[in-house]
Amino acid sequence: MSAEFEISETALFQKMMLKPQFAQFYPKILDYVYPQLRQNPYFGTNIKKLKGEISGKYRYRIGSIRLFYTIDGNRAIVFMVTVKDRKDAY
């Protein structure tokens, strides 16, 4: 994979990131998670491809929160869908 992926945040993701329990993680997401997803959103230590009812989505784990995203491989775009606390995520 030579080209970097672009990151696109959905309106729901942006709305969720305004909540106090998630806003504290946003600097880490920008500085650490996004650069990693731009390089390879398919594989990584904290990345998991989801199965079952939510198949086709990926999960990125940061402590107690989970970032959910989809990948458009043809256009090289990662769509950040939502963020949830682990206890509410599944």
C-alpha atoms as a PDB file:
ATOM      1  CA  MET A   1       0.000   0.000   0.000  1.00  0.00           C
ATOM      2  CA  SER A   2       1.768   3.071  -1.213  1.00  0.00           C
ATOM      3  CA  ALA A   3      -0.955   5.708  -0.890  1.00  0.00           C
ATOM      4  CA  GLU A   4      -2.042   6.937   2.498  1.00  0.00           C
ATOM      5  CA  PHE A   5      -5.657   6.624   3.544  1.00  0.00           C
ATOM      6  CA  GLU A   6      -7.699   9.747   4.130  1.00  0.00           C
ATOM      7  CA  ILE A   7      -9.641  10.089   7.408  1.00  0.00           C
ATOM      8  CA  SER A   8     -13.262  11.238   7.305  1.00  0.00           C
ATOM      9  CA  GLU A   9     -15.309  11.808  10.461  1.00  0.00           C
ATOM     10  CA  THR A  10     -19.066  11.305  10.291  1.00  0.00           C
ATOM     11  CA  ALA A  11     -21.401  13.826  11.940  1.00  0.00           C
ATOM     12  CA  LEU A  12     -22.221  11.227  14.616  1.00  0.00           C
ATOM     13  CA  PHE A  13     -18.522  10.705  15.394  1.00  0.00           C
ATOM     14  CA  GLN A  14     -17.949  14.455  15.694  1.00  0.00           C
ATOM     15  CA  LYS A  15     -21.002  14.802  17.961  1.00  0.00           C
ATOM     16  CA  MET A  16     -19.814  11.950  20.192  1.00  0.00           C
ATOM     17  CA  MET A  17     -16.332  13.470  20.473  1.00  0.00           C
ATOM     18  CA  LEU A  18     -17.870  16.589  22.058  1.00  0.00           C
ATOM     19  CA  LYS A  19     -19.021  14.544  25.062  1.00  0.00           C
ATOM     20  CA  PRO A  20     -16.708  14.981  28.071  1.00  0.00           C
ATOM     21  CA  GLN A  21     -15.990  11.257  28.478  1.00  0.00           C
ATOM     22  CA  PHE A  22     -14.657  11.079  24.900  1.00  0.00           C
ATOM     23  CA  ALA A  23     -13.272  14.601  24.347  1.00  0.00           C
ATOM     24  CA  GLN A  24     -10.259  13.854  26.557  1.00  0.00           C
ATOM     25  CA  PHE A  25      -9.187  11.148  24.072  1.00  0.00           C
ATOM     26  CA  TYR A  26      -9.386  13.363  20.966  1.00  0.00           C
ATOM     27  CA  PRO A  27      -5.778  14.677  21.104  1.00  0.00           C
ATOM     28  CA  LYS A  28      -4.522  11.077  21.313  1.00  0.00           C
ATOM     29  CA  ILE A  29      -6.780  10.102  18.414  1.00  0.00           C
ATOM     30  CA  LEU A  30      -5.383  12.921  16.275  1.00  0.00           C
ATOM     31  CA  ASP A  31      -1.728  12.374  17.234  1.00  0.00           C
ATOM     32  CA  TYR A  32      -1.531   8.607  17.486  1.00  0.00           C
ATOM     33  CA  VAL A  33      -4.553   6.814  16.007  1.00  0.00           C
ATOM     34  CA  TYR A  34      -5.061   8.762  12.773  1.00  0.00           C
ATOM     35  CA  PRO A  35      -1.427   8.474  11.616  1.00  0.00           C
ATOM     36  CA  GLN A  36      -1.614   4.721  12.212  1.00  0.00           C
ATOM     37  CA  LEU A  37      -4.922   4.385  10.338  1.00  0.00           C
ATOM     38  CA  ARG A  38      -3.571   6.443   7.429  1.00  0.00           C
ATOM     39  CA  GLN A  39      -0.751   3.909   6.987  1.00  0.00           C
ATOM     40  CA  ASN A  40      -2.779   0.705   7.412  1.00  0.00           C
ATOM     41  CA  PRO A  41      -6.356   0.714   8.764  1.00  0.00           C
ATOM     42  CA  TYR A  42      -6.715  -3.060   8.326  1.00  0.00           C
ATOM     43  CA  PHE A  43      -4.172  -4.389  10.813  1.00  0.00           C
ATOM     44  CA  GLY A  44      -2.605  -3.269  14.068  1.00  0.00           C
ATOM     45  CA  THR A  45      -2.239  -4.002  17.755  1.00  0.00           C
ATOM     46  CA  ASN A  46      -5.503  -2.287  18.711  1.00  0.00           C
ATOM     47  CA  ILE A  47      -7.438  -2.993  15.496  1.00  0.00           C
ATOM     48  CA  LYS A  48     -10.014  -5.735  15.161  1.00  0.00           C
ATOM     49  CA  LYS A  49     -12.288  -6.591  12.249  1.00  0.00           C
ATOM     50  CA  LEU A  50     -15.782  -7.127  13.616  1.00  0.00           C
ATOM     51  CA  LYS A  51     -18.038 -10.089  12.883  1.00  0.00           C
ATOM     52  CA  GLY A  52     -21.722 -10.936  13.103  1.00  0.00           C
ATOM     53  CA  GLU A  53     -24.316  -8.153  12.915  1.00  0.00           C
ATOM     54  CA  ILE A  54     -21.592  -5.501  12.747  1.00  0.00           C
ATOM     55  CA  SER A  55     -19.385  -7.249  10.203  1.00  0.00           C
ATOM     56  CA  GLY A  56     -17.674  -4.958   7.728  1.00  0.00           C
ATOM     57  CA  LYS A  57     -16.733  -2.513  10.473  1.00  0.00           C
ATOM     58  CA  TYR A  58     -13.488  -2.238  12.371  1.00  0.00           C
ATOM     59  CA  ARG A  59     -12.810  -1.389  15.987  1.00  0.00           C
ATOM     60  CA  TYR A  60      -9.859   0.539  17.387  1.00  0.00           C
ATOM     61  CA  ARG A  61      -9.309   0.175  21.132  1.00  0.00           C
ATOM     62  CA  ILE A  62      -8.026   3.035  23.312  1.00  0.00           C
ATOM     63  CA  GLY A  63      -8.248   2.158  26.985  1.00  0.00           C
ATOM     64  CA  SER A  64     -11.924   1.957  27.898  1.00  0.00           C
ATOM     65  CA  ILE A  65     -13.265   3.409  24.645  1.00  0.00           C
ATOM     66  CA  ARG A  66     -13.787   1.892  21.230  1.00  0.00           C
ATOM     67  CA  LEU A  67     -13.607   3.753  17.916  1.00  0.00           C
ATOM     68  CA  PHE A  68     -15.692   2.188  15.160  1.00  0.00           C
ATOM     69  CA  TYR A  69     -14.878   2.785  11.511  1.00  0.00           C
ATOM     70  CA  THR A  70     -15.394   1.480   7.997  1.00  0.00           C
ATOM     71  CA  ILE A  71     -12.930   1.429   5.129  1.00  0.00           C
ATOM     72  CA  ASP A  72     -13.511   2.329   1.488  1.00  0.00           C
ATOM     73  CA  GLY A  73     -10.504   0.595  -0.045  1.00  0.00           C
ATOM     74  CA  ASN A  74     -11.273   1.787  -3.570  1.00  0.00           C
ATOM     75  CA  ARG A  75     -11.131   5.456  -2.577  1.00  0.00           C
ATOM     76  CA  ALA A  76      -8.620   4.953   0.278  1.00  0.00           C
ATOM     77  CA  ILE A  77     -10.869   6.564   2.883  1.00  0.00           C
ATOM     78  CA  VAL A  78     -11.380   5.572   6.511  1.00  0.00           C
ATOM     79  CA  PHE A  79     -14.797   6.680   7.788  1.00  0.00           C
ATOM     80  CA  MET A  80     -14.838   7.207  11.552  1.00  0.00           C
ATOM     81  CA  VAL A  81     -18.403   6.156  12.389  1.00  0.00           C
ATOM     82  CA  THR A  82     -18.783   6.435  16.159  1.00  0.00           C
ATOM     83  CA  VAL A  83     -17.063   6.107  19.523  1.00  0.00           C
ATOM     84  CA  LYS A  84     -18.453   4.238  22.527  1.00  0.00           C
ATOM     85  CA  ASP A  85     -17.427   3.239  25.997  1.00  0.00           C
ATOM     86  CA  ARG A  86     -16.436  -0.416  26.172  1.00  0.00           C
ATOM     87  CA  LYS A  87     -19.377  -1.336  28.420  1.00  0.00           C
ATOM     88  CA  ASP A  88     -21.847   0.055  25.835  1.00  0.00           C
ATOM     89  CA  ALA A  89     -20.003  -0.900  22.679  1.00  0.00           C
ATOM     90  CA  TYR A  90     -21.242  -4.381  21.862  1.00  0.00           C
END
